[in-house]
Amino acid sequence: MRAGFQLGVLLCAGLYSYYAFAELSWLSSAGRIGPAFFPRIIGLALVVLSAWSLAADWRAPGEGVPGGWRAAALLALLSGLFVAALDVLGGLLAMIAFMAAALAVFNRGRWLQNALLALALPAGMYLLFKVWLNAGVPRGLILPF
């Protein structure tokens, strides 16, 4: 079952990558980075990582993650809460809250590391999208950024 799921993820990643390479343009009409920049990188990373995971599972079958369904359901719940919080908290605060909650659950006992990651990664993503790429980041009701 696990190998079938990973094969399905690999298939979806391949279709996503095909769409990113075939349908989206690499550069905009102004010669700047276009809408295919991140989808192509993410698509290739998804294909490589899911193929690696599938190969690793075929080499050592039966070594599953204990509580895998519970962890997947919890991550899905946290992701849903993150999407719901985007309009209320805004992009930056929602990312910080999501990272803090996910790391508290999946990286227990490392409070300093979790706090640094929960602050640094969202701040870096915010600066990347807002400052460098000049892309829109959801604004919240609580803070104007």
N, C-alpha and C. Protein backbone atom coordinates (compact mmCIF):
# COMPACT_ATOMS: atom_id res chain seq x y z
N MET A 1 0.82 -1.19 0.00
CA MET A 1 0.00 0.00 0.00
C MET A 1 0.87 1.26 0.00
N ARG A 2 1.93 1.23 0.80
CA ARG A 2 2.80 2.40 0.89
C ARG A 2 3.49 2.67 -0.45
N ALA A 3 3.97 1.61 -1.09
CA ALA A 3 4.64 1.79 -2.39
C ALA A 3 3.65 2.30 -3.43
N GLY A 4 2.41 1.83 -3.37
CA GLY A 4 1.39 2.33 -4.29
C GLY A 4 1.11 3.81 -4.09
N PHE A 5 1.07 4.23 -2.84
CA PHE A 5 0.86 5.65 -2.54
C PHE A 5 2.03 6.48 -3.05
N GLN A 6 3.25 6.00 -2.81
CA GLN A 6 4.43 6.73 -3.27
C GLN A 6 4.48 6.79 -4.80
N LEU A 7 4.05 5.72 -5.44
CA LEU A 7 4.00 5.72 -6.89
C LEU A 7 2.97 6.73 -7.39
N GLY A 8 1.83 6.85 -6.70
CA GLY A 8 0.83 7.86 -7.04
C GLY A 8 1.36 9.27 -6.86
N VAL A 9 2.10 9.49 -5.77
CA VAL A 9 2.70 10.81 -5.55
C VAL A 9 3.71 11.12 -6.64
N LEU A 10 4.51 10.12 -7.04
CA LEU A 10 5.48 10.32 -8.11
C LEU A 10 4.77 10.65 -9.43
N LEU A 11 3.67 9.99 -9.70
CA LEU A 11 2.91 10.27 -10.92
C LEU A 11 2.35 11.70 -10.89
N CYS A 12 1.77 12.09 -9.77
CA CYS A 12 1.25 13.46 -9.64
C CYS A 12 2.36 14.50 -9.75
N ALA A 13 3.52 14.21 -9.15
CA ALA A 13 4.65 15.12 -9.24
C ALA A 13 5.13 15.24 -10.68
N GLY A 14 5.12 14.13 -11.40
CA GLY A 14 5.51 14.17 -12.81
C GLY A 14 4.54 14.99 -13.64
N LEU A 15 3.25 14.83 -13.41
CA LEU A 15 2.25 15.61 -14.13
C LEU A 15 2.37 17.10 -13.80
N TYR A 16 2.59 17.40 -12.52
CA TYR A 16 2.78 18.79 -12.10
C TYR A 16 4.01 19.39 -12.79
N SER A 17 5.10 18.64 -12.83
CA SER A 17 6.32 19.13 -13.47
C SER A 17 6.11 19.32 -14.97
N TYR A 18 5.41 18.38 -15.60
CA TYR A 18 5.12 18.52 -17.03
C TYR A 18 4.35 19.81 -17.30
N TYR A 19 3.35 20.08 -16.48
CA TYR A 19 2.57 21.30 -16.66
C TYR A 19 3.45 22.54 -16.46
N ALA A 20 4.31 22.51 -15.45
CA ALA A 20 5.18 23.66 -15.18
C ALA A 20 6.14 23.92 -16.34
N PHE A 21 6.63 22.86 -16.97
CA PHE A 21 7.58 23.04 -18.07
C PHE A 21 6.88 23.31 -19.40
N ALA A 22 5.71 22.72 -19.62
CA ALA A 22 5.06 22.83 -20.92
C ALA A 22 4.15 24.05 -21.04
N GLU A 23 3.51 24.45 -19.96
CA GLU A 23 2.48 25.48 -20.05
C GLU A 23 2.87 26.84 -19.48
N LEU A 24 3.79 26.88 -18.56
CA LEU A 24 4.15 28.15 -17.93
C LEU A 24 5.43 28.70 -18.54
N SER A 25 5.47 30.00 -18.71
CA SER A 25 6.65 30.61 -19.33
C SER A 25 7.71 30.92 -18.28
N TRP A 26 8.96 30.71 -18.68
CA TRP A 26 10.09 30.91 -17.78
C TRP A 26 10.31 32.39 -17.47
N LEU A 27 10.14 33.24 -18.47
CA LEU A 27 10.34 34.68 -18.30
C LEU A 27 9.04 35.42 -18.62
N SER A 28 8.86 36.55 -17.96
CA SER A 28 7.69 37.38 -18.25
C SER A 28 7.97 38.20 -19.51
N SER A 29 6.98 38.95 -19.95
CA SER A 29 7.16 39.77 -21.15
C SER A 29 8.17 40.89 -20.92
N ALA A 30 8.40 41.25 -19.66
CA ALA A 30 9.39 42.28 -19.33
C ALA A 30 10.79 41.71 -19.18
N GLY A 31 10.95 40.39 -19.36
CA GLY A 31 12.27 39.78 -19.24
C GLY A 31 12.64 39.40 -17.82
N ARG A 32 11.69 39.49 -16.91
CA ARG A 32 11.95 39.12 -15.51
C ARG A 32 11.51 37.68 -15.27
N ILE A 33 11.78 37.17 -14.09
CA ILE A 33 11.38 35.82 -13.74
C ILE A 33 9.87 35.70 -13.90
N GLY A 34 9.45 34.67 -14.62
CA GLY A 34 8.04 34.48 -14.93
C GLY A 34 7.35 33.52 -13.97
N PRO A 35 6.12 33.13 -14.32
CA PRO A 35 5.33 32.29 -13.43
C PRO A 35 5.81 30.85 -13.34
N ALA A 36 6.79 30.44 -14.14
CA ALA A 36 7.26 29.06 -14.11
C ALA A 36 8.46 28.86 -13.20
N PHE A 37 8.98 29.92 -12.63
CA PHE A 37 10.23 29.82 -11.86
C PHE A 37 10.08 28.85 -10.68
N PHE A 38 9.19 29.13 -9.75
CA PHE A 38 9.03 28.26 -8.58
C PHE A 38 8.36 26.93 -8.92
N PRO A 39 7.32 26.89 -9.76
CA PRO A 39 6.74 25.58 -10.07
C PRO A 39 7.72 24.58 -10.68
N ARG A 40 8.66 25.07 -11.48
CA ARG A 40 9.64 24.15 -12.07
C ARG A 40 10.59 23.61 -11.00
N ILE A 41 11.04 24.47 -10.13
CA ILE A 41 11.94 24.02 -9.05
C ILE A 41 11.22 23.05 -8.13
N ILE A 42 10.00 23.40 -7.73
CA ILE A 42 9.23 22.55 -6.83
C ILE A 42 8.89 21.23 -7.52
N GLY A 43 8.51 21.27 -8.79
CA GLY A 43 8.18 20.05 -9.51
C GLY A 43 9.36 19.09 -9.61
N LEU A 44 10.51 19.61 -9.97
CA LEU A 44 11.70 18.76 -10.05
C LEU A 44 12.06 18.19 -8.69
N ALA A 45 11.97 19.01 -7.66
CA ALA A 45 12.27 18.52 -6.30
C ALA A 45 11.28 17.43 -5.89
N LEU A 46 10.00 17.61 -6.22
CA LEU A 46 9.01 16.59 -5.90
C LEU A 46 9.29 15.28 -6.62
N VAL A 47 9.64 15.36 -7.89
CA VAL A 47 9.93 14.14 -8.67
C VAL A 47 11.15 13.43 -8.09
N VAL A 48 12.22 14.16 -7.84
CA VAL A 48 13.45 13.55 -7.32
C VAL A 48 13.21 12.94 -5.94
N LEU A 49 12.59 13.68 -5.04
CA LEU A 49 12.40 13.19 -3.68
C LEU A 49 11.40 12.03 -3.60
N SER A 50 10.34 12.08 -4.39
CA SER A 50 9.39 10.97 -4.35
C SER A 50 9.97 9.73 -5.01
N ALA A 51 10.79 9.88 -6.06
CA ALA A 51 11.47 8.73 -6.67
C ALA A 51 12.48 8.13 -5.70
N TRP A 52 13.19 8.98 -4.99
CA TRP A 52 14.16 8.52 -3.98
C TRP A 52 13.44 7.75 -2.87
N SER A 53 12.33 8.29 -2.42
CA SER A 53 11.55 7.62 -1.37
C SER A 53 11.00 6.28 -1.84
N LEU A 54 10.53 6.23 -3.06
CA LEU A 54 10.01 4.98 -3.61
C LEU A 54 11.13 3.94 -3.74
N ALA A 55 12.30 4.36 -4.21
CA ALA A 55 13.44 3.44 -4.33
C ALA A 55 13.88 2.94 -2.95
N ALA A 56 13.90 3.83 -1.98
CA ALA A 56 14.29 3.43 -0.62
C ALA A 56 13.29 2.45 -0.03
N ASP A 57 12.02 2.63 -0.33
CA ASP A 57 11.00 1.72 0.18
C ASP A 57 11.12 0.35 -0.49
N TRP A 58 11.47 0.30 -1.75
CA TRP A 58 11.63 -0.98 -2.43
C TRP A 58 12.87 -1.73 -1.93
N ARG A 59 13.92 -0.98 -1.54
CA ARG A 59 15.13 -1.62 -1.02
C ARG A 59 14.90 -2.21 0.36
N ALA A 60 14.13 -1.52 1.20
CA ALA A 60 13.89 -1.98 2.58
C ALA A 60 12.40 -1.94 2.86
N PRO A 61 11.64 -2.91 2.33
CA PRO A 61 10.19 -2.88 2.55
C PRO A 61 9.82 -3.17 4.00
N GLY A 62 8.71 -2.63 4.41
CA GLY A 62 8.19 -2.91 5.73
C GLY A 62 8.66 -1.99 6.83
N GLU A 63 9.59 -1.10 6.54
CA GLU A 63 10.07 -0.17 7.55
C GLU A 63 9.25 1.11 7.48
N GLY A 64 8.08 1.09 8.05
CA GLY A 64 7.21 2.25 8.01
C GLY A 64 7.41 3.15 9.21
N VAL A 65 6.86 4.31 9.13
CA VAL A 65 6.91 5.25 10.24
C VAL A 65 5.80 4.88 11.21
N PRO A 66 6.10 4.64 12.49
CA PRO A 66 5.03 4.31 13.43
C PRO A 66 4.08 5.49 13.60
N GLY A 67 2.79 5.19 13.56
CA GLY A 67 1.80 6.26 13.69
C GLY A 67 1.72 7.15 12.46
N GLY A 68 2.05 6.60 11.30
CA GLY A 68 2.11 7.40 10.08
C GLY A 68 0.79 8.04 9.71
N TRP A 69 -0.31 7.30 9.85
CA TRP A 69 -1.63 7.85 9.51
C TRP A 69 -2.01 8.96 10.48
N ARG A 70 -1.69 8.78 11.74
CA ARG A 70 -2.00 9.81 12.74
C ARG A 70 -1.20 11.09 12.46
N ALA A 71 0.06 10.92 12.14
CA ALA A 71 0.91 12.08 11.83
C ALA A 71 0.43 12.78 10.57
N ALA A 72 0.04 11.99 9.56
CA ALA A 72 -0.46 12.59 8.31
C ALA A 72 -1.76 13.35 8.55
N ALA A 73 -2.64 12.79 9.36
CA ALA A 73 -3.90 13.47 9.67
C ALA A 73 -3.65 14.75 10.46
N LEU A 74 -2.72 14.70 11.39
CA LEU A 74 -2.40 15.90 12.17
C LEU A 74 -1.78 16.98 11.29
N LEU A 75 -0.90 16.59 10.38
CA LEU A 75 -0.31 17.57 9.47
C LEU A 75 -1.35 18.15 8.53
N ALA A 76 -2.30 17.33 8.08
CA ALA A 76 -3.39 17.84 7.25
C ALA A 76 -4.25 18.83 8.02
N LEU A 77 -4.53 18.54 9.29
CA LEU A 77 -5.29 19.46 10.13
C LEU A 77 -4.54 20.78 10.31
N LEU A 78 -3.26 20.70 10.61
CA LEU A 78 -2.46 21.92 10.77
C LEU A 78 -2.41 22.72 9.47
N SER A 79 -2.33 22.04 8.34
CA SER A 79 -2.31 22.73 7.04
C SER A 79 -3.65 23.43 6.78
N GLY A 80 -4.75 22.78 7.13
CA GLY A 80 -6.06 23.41 6.98
C GLY A 80 -6.21 24.63 7.87
N LEU A 81 -5.72 24.53 9.10
CA LEU A 81 -5.75 25.68 10.00
C LEU A 81 -4.87 26.82 9.49
N PHE A 82 -3.75 26.46 8.87
CA PHE A 82 -2.86 27.47 8.29
C PHE A 82 -3.58 28.24 7.19
N VAL A 83 -4.24 27.53 6.30
CA VAL A 83 -4.96 28.18 5.20
C VAL A 83 -6.08 29.07 5.75
N ALA A 84 -6.78 28.59 6.77
CA ALA A 84 -7.86 29.38 7.37
C ALA A 84 -7.31 30.62 8.08
N ALA A 85 -6.11 30.52 8.62
CA ALA A 85 -5.53 31.64 9.37
C ALA A 85 -4.90 32.69 8.47
N LEU A 86 -4.69 32.39 7.19
CA LEU A 86 -4.03 33.34 6.30
C LEU A 86 -4.76 34.68 6.23
N ASP A 87 -6.08 34.65 6.10
CA ASP A 87 -6.83 35.90 5.98
C ASP A 87 -6.93 36.64 7.30
N VAL A 88 -6.92 35.91 8.39
CA VAL A 88 -7.07 36.54 9.71
C VAL A 88 -5.73 37.07 10.22
N LEU A 89 -4.70 36.22 10.19
CA LEU A 89 -3.41 36.60 10.74
C LEU A 89 -2.49 37.25 9.72
N GLY A 90 -2.69 36.94 8.46
CA GLY A 90 -1.77 37.41 7.43
C GLY A 90 -0.72 36.33 7.17
N GLY A 91 -0.02 36.47 6.05
CA GLY A 91 0.94 35.46 5.64
C GLY A 91 2.04 35.21 6.63
N LEU A 92 2.67 36.26 7.12
CA LEU A 92 3.83 36.10 8.00
C LEU A 92 3.43 35.45 9.32
N LEU A 93 2.42 35.98 9.99
CA LEU A 93 2.02 35.41 11.28
C LEU A 93 1.44 34.01 11.15
N ALA A 94 0.71 33.74 10.08
CA ALA A 94 0.16 32.40 9.86
C ALA A 94 1.29 31.39 9.63
N MET A 95 2.33 31.79 8.88
CA MET A 95 3.46 30.90 8.66
C MET A 95 4.20 30.63 9.96
N ILE A 96 4.38 31.66 10.78
CA ILE A 96 5.06 31.48 12.07
C ILE A 96 4.25 30.55 12.96
N ALA A 97 2.94 30.75 13.04
CA ALA A 97 2.10 29.90 13.87
C ALA A 97 2.10 28.45 13.37
N PHE A 98 2.02 28.26 12.05
CA PHE A 98 2.04 26.92 11.49
C PHE A 98 3.35 26.21 11.78
N MET A 99 4.46 26.90 11.54
CA MET A 99 5.77 26.29 11.79
C MET A 99 5.96 25.97 13.26
N ALA A 100 5.53 26.88 14.15
CA ALA A 100 5.67 26.63 15.58
C ALA A 100 4.85 25.41 16.00
N ALA A 101 3.62 25.31 15.52
CA ALA A 101 2.76 24.17 15.89
C ALA A 101 3.31 22.87 15.31
N ALA A 102 3.70 22.87 14.04
CA ALA A 102 4.20 21.66 13.42
C ALA A 102 5.50 21.20 14.06
N LEU A 103 6.40 22.12 14.35
CA LEU A 103 7.65 21.74 14.98
C LEU A 103 7.46 21.29 16.42
N ALA A 104 6.51 21.88 17.13
CA ALA A 104 6.23 21.44 18.50
C ALA A 104 5.74 19.99 18.52
N VAL A 105 5.02 19.59 17.49
CA VAL A 105 4.50 18.22 17.43
C VAL A 105 5.55 17.25 16.89
N PHE A 106 6.23 17.62 15.81
CA PHE A 106 7.11 16.68 15.12
C PHE A 106 8.58 16.79 15.52
N ASN A 107 8.95 17.78 16.27
CA ASN A 107 10.34 17.95 16.71
C ASN A 107 10.36 18.26 18.21
N ARG A 108 9.77 17.38 18.96
CA ARG A 108 9.59 17.60 20.40
C ARG A 108 10.92 17.72 21.14
N GLY A 109 10.90 18.59 22.14
CA GLY A 109 12.04 18.70 23.03
C GLY A 109 13.12 19.66 22.59
N ARG A 110 13.07 20.16 21.40
CA ARG A 110 14.09 21.09 20.90
C ARG A 110 13.47 22.48 20.79
N TRP A 111 13.21 23.09 21.90
CA TRP A 111 12.45 24.34 21.94
C TRP A 111 13.19 25.50 21.31
N LEU A 112 14.48 25.62 21.58
CA LEU A 112 15.24 26.73 21.00
C LEU A 112 15.35 26.58 19.47
N GLN A 113 15.67 25.38 19.02
CA GLN A 113 15.75 25.13 17.59
C GLN A 113 14.40 25.38 16.92
N ASN A 114 13.33 24.91 17.54
CA ASN A 114 11.99 25.11 16.98
C ASN A 114 11.64 26.59 16.91
N ALA A 115 11.96 27.34 17.96
CA ALA A 115 11.65 28.77 17.97
C ALA A 115 12.43 29.51 16.89
N LEU A 116 13.70 29.17 16.74
CA LEU A 116 14.52 29.82 15.71
C LEU A 116 14.01 29.49 14.30
N LEU A 117 13.68 28.22 14.07
CA LEU A 117 13.16 27.83 12.76
C LEU A 117 11.80 28.46 12.49
N ALA A 118 10.94 28.49 13.51
CA ALA A 118 9.59 29.04 13.34
C ALA A 118 9.62 30.53 13.06
N LEU A 119 10.67 31.21 13.46
CA LEU A 119 10.80 32.64 13.17
C LEU A 119 11.61 32.91 11.91
N ALA A 120 12.71 32.18 11.73
CA ALA A 120 13.63 32.48 10.63
C ALA A 120 13.09 32.06 9.27
N LEU A 121 12.53 30.86 9.15
CA LEU A 121 12.04 30.40 7.85
C LEU A 121 10.87 31.24 7.33
N PRO A 122 9.84 31.52 8.12
CA PRO A 122 8.78 32.40 7.60
C PRO A 122 9.27 33.81 7.28
N ALA A 123 10.18 34.33 8.11
CA ALA A 123 10.72 35.66 7.81
C ALA A 123 11.48 35.65 6.50
N GLY A 124 12.26 34.60 6.26
CA GLY A 124 12.98 34.47 4.99
C GLY A 124 12.04 34.35 3.80
N MET A 125 10.98 33.55 3.96
CA MET A 125 10.00 33.40 2.88
C MET A 125 9.28 34.72 2.62
N TYR A 126 8.95 35.43 3.69
CA TYR A 126 8.28 36.72 3.54
C TYR A 126 9.17 37.70 2.79
N LEU A 127 10.44 37.77 3.18
CA LEU A 127 11.37 38.67 2.50
C LEU A 127 11.58 38.25 1.04
N LEU A 128 11.65 36.96 0.79
CA LEU A 128 11.83 36.47 -0.57
C LEU A 128 10.66 36.90 -1.46
N PHE A 129 9.44 36.65 -0.99
CA PHE A 129 8.29 36.96 -1.83
C PHE A 129 7.95 38.44 -1.84
N LYS A 130 7.97 39.08 -0.70
CA LYS A 130 7.53 40.47 -0.62
C LYS A 130 8.58 41.44 -1.14
N VAL A 131 9.83 41.25 -0.78
CA VAL A 131 10.88 42.21 -1.13
C VAL A 131 11.55 41.85 -2.46
N TRP A 132 12.07 40.63 -2.57
CA TRP A 132 12.85 40.28 -3.75
C TRP A 132 11.97 40.07 -4.97
N LEU A 133 10.88 39.29 -4.84
CA LEU A 133 10.03 39.00 -5.99
C LEU A 133 8.89 39.98 -6.16
N ASN A 134 8.67 40.83 -5.18
CA ASN A 134 7.59 41.81 -5.20
C ASN A 134 6.24 41.14 -5.47
N ALA A 135 6.03 40.00 -4.82
CA ALA A 135 4.79 39.24 -4.97
C ALA A 135 3.87 39.55 -3.80
N GLY A 136 2.61 39.35 -4.02
CA GLY A 136 1.64 39.61 -2.97
C GLY A 136 1.66 38.53 -1.90
N VAL A 137 1.66 38.94 -0.68
CA VAL A 137 1.56 38.05 0.48
C VAL A 137 0.27 38.42 1.19
N PRO A 138 -0.54 37.44 1.60
CA PRO A 138 -1.81 37.77 2.24
C PRO A 138 -1.63 38.70 3.43
N ARG A 139 -2.45 39.75 3.46
CA ARG A 139 -2.44 40.69 4.58
C ARG A 139 -3.48 40.24 5.58
N GLY A 140 -3.17 40.40 6.82
CA GLY A 140 -4.10 39.97 7.87
C GLY A 140 -4.94 41.09 8.43
N LEU A 141 -5.89 40.70 9.23
CA LEU A 141 -6.73 41.68 9.91
C LEU A 141 -6.02 42.24 11.14
N ILE A 142 -5.09 41.47 11.71
CA ILE A 142 -4.44 41.88 12.95
C ILE A 142 -3.30 42.86 12.68
N LEU A 143 -2.38 42.49 11.79
CA LEU A 143 -1.26 43.35 11.43
C LEU A 143 -1.31 43.61 9.93
N PRO A 144 -0.84 44.75 9.48
CA PRO A 144 -0.94 45.08 8.05
C PRO A 144 0.08 44.38 7.15
N PHE A 145 0.78 43.36 7.65
CA PHE A 145 1.72 42.63 6.79
C PHE A 145 1.54 41.15 6.97
